[in-house]
Amino acid sequence: MTLADLKPGQSGKILKVNVTGALKRRLMDMGIIGGTEVRVEKVAPLGDPIEVSIKSYALSLRVGEAKSIEVEAE
């Protein structure tokens, strides 16, 4: 399951980030690291972007980025 599959209000634990290079570094700098808890807060009307809460702050991700983040739903 990916972060993009979670619905608003659902939480999960990040398992793996399936990207490389600069994008992976940017995501890691924002706190998207394996084992971190993440909660989907809102999804835009057309499905992009997705707003999540991670480490007590809000973060907006594109759907393409969210699909590259594997999570375990809680």
Protein backbone atom coordinates (compact mmCIF):
# COMPACT_ATOMS: atom_id res chain seq x y z
CA MET A 1 0.00 0.00 0.00
CA THR A 2 1.22 3.50 -0.74
CA LEU A 3 0.63 6.82 0.96
CA ALA A 4 -1.61 7.81 -1.97
CA ASP A 5 -3.94 4.88 -1.10
CA LEU A 6 -4.73 6.20 2.39
CA LYS A 7 -7.96 8.17 2.80
CA PRO A 8 -8.28 11.40 4.85
CA GLY A 9 -8.15 10.55 8.55
CA GLN A 10 -6.18 7.33 8.05
CA SER A 11 -2.72 6.83 9.53
CA GLY A 12 0.16 4.58 8.70
CA LYS A 13 3.82 3.88 9.25
CA ILE A 14 6.31 4.55 6.46
CA LEU A 15 8.01 1.36 5.32
CA LYS A 16 10.06 2.44 2.31
CA VAL A 17 10.62 5.35 -0.08
CA ASN A 18 10.90 4.03 -3.66
CA VAL A 19 12.73 6.89 -5.36
CA THR A 20 16.37 7.80 -5.83
CA GLY A 21 18.49 10.88 -6.23
CA ALA A 22 17.48 14.41 -5.38
CA LEU A 23 13.80 13.58 -4.81
CA LYS A 24 14.66 10.94 -2.20
CA ARG A 25 16.97 13.37 -0.44
CA ARG A 26 14.27 16.08 -0.43
CA LEU A 27 11.66 13.68 0.98
CA MET A 28 14.08 12.51 3.68
CA ASP A 29 14.87 16.13 4.58
CA MET A 30 11.11 16.66 5.12
CA GLY A 31 11.01 13.76 7.60
CA ILE A 32 9.76 10.98 5.34
CA ILE A 33 11.89 8.17 6.72
CA GLY A 34 11.11 4.51 7.35
CA GLY A 35 9.37 3.88 10.67
CA THR A 36 7.83 7.37 10.88
CA GLU A 37 4.10 7.74 11.58
CA VAL A 38 2.13 9.69 8.97
CA ARG A 39 -1.53 10.76 8.83
CA VAL A 40 -3.47 11.92 5.77
CA GLU A 41 -5.29 15.14 6.68
CA LYS A 42 -6.81 16.33 3.40
CA VAL A 43 -6.92 15.48 -0.28
CA ALA A 44 -7.57 18.23 -2.81
CA PRO A 45 -10.85 17.98 -4.76
CA LEU A 46 -9.09 16.64 -7.86
CA GLY A 47 -6.88 14.34 -5.78
CA ASP A 48 -3.67 16.33 -6.02
CA PRO A 49 -1.99 17.41 -3.72
CA ILE A 50 -2.35 15.36 -0.55
CA GLU A 51 -1.83 17.04 2.82
CA VAL A 52 -0.27 14.86 5.52
CA SER A 53 0.84 15.33 9.12
CA ILE A 54 4.28 14.01 9.93
CA LYS A 55 6.39 14.79 12.98
CA SER A 56 3.88 17.41 14.19
CA TYR A 57 3.84 19.50 11.02
CA ALA A 58 1.77 19.62 7.82
CA LEU A 59 3.25 18.66 4.48
CA SER A 60 1.72 18.71 1.00
CA LEU A 61 2.82 16.04 -1.45
CA ARG A 62 2.05 15.47 -5.11
CA VAL A 63 0.24 12.21 -5.88
CA GLY A 64 3.29 10.95 -7.80
CA GLU A 65 5.46 11.46 -4.72
CA ALA A 66 2.88 9.83 -2.43
CA LYS A 67 2.70 6.78 -4.71
CA SER A 68 6.43 6.23 -4.23
CA ILE A 69 6.08 5.97 -0.42
CA GLU A 70 5.14 2.52 0.88
CA VAL A 71 3.15 2.54 4.13
CA GLU A 72 1.58 0.05 6.51
CA ALA A 73 -1.93 1.21 7.39
CA GLU A 74 -2.98 1.28 11.04
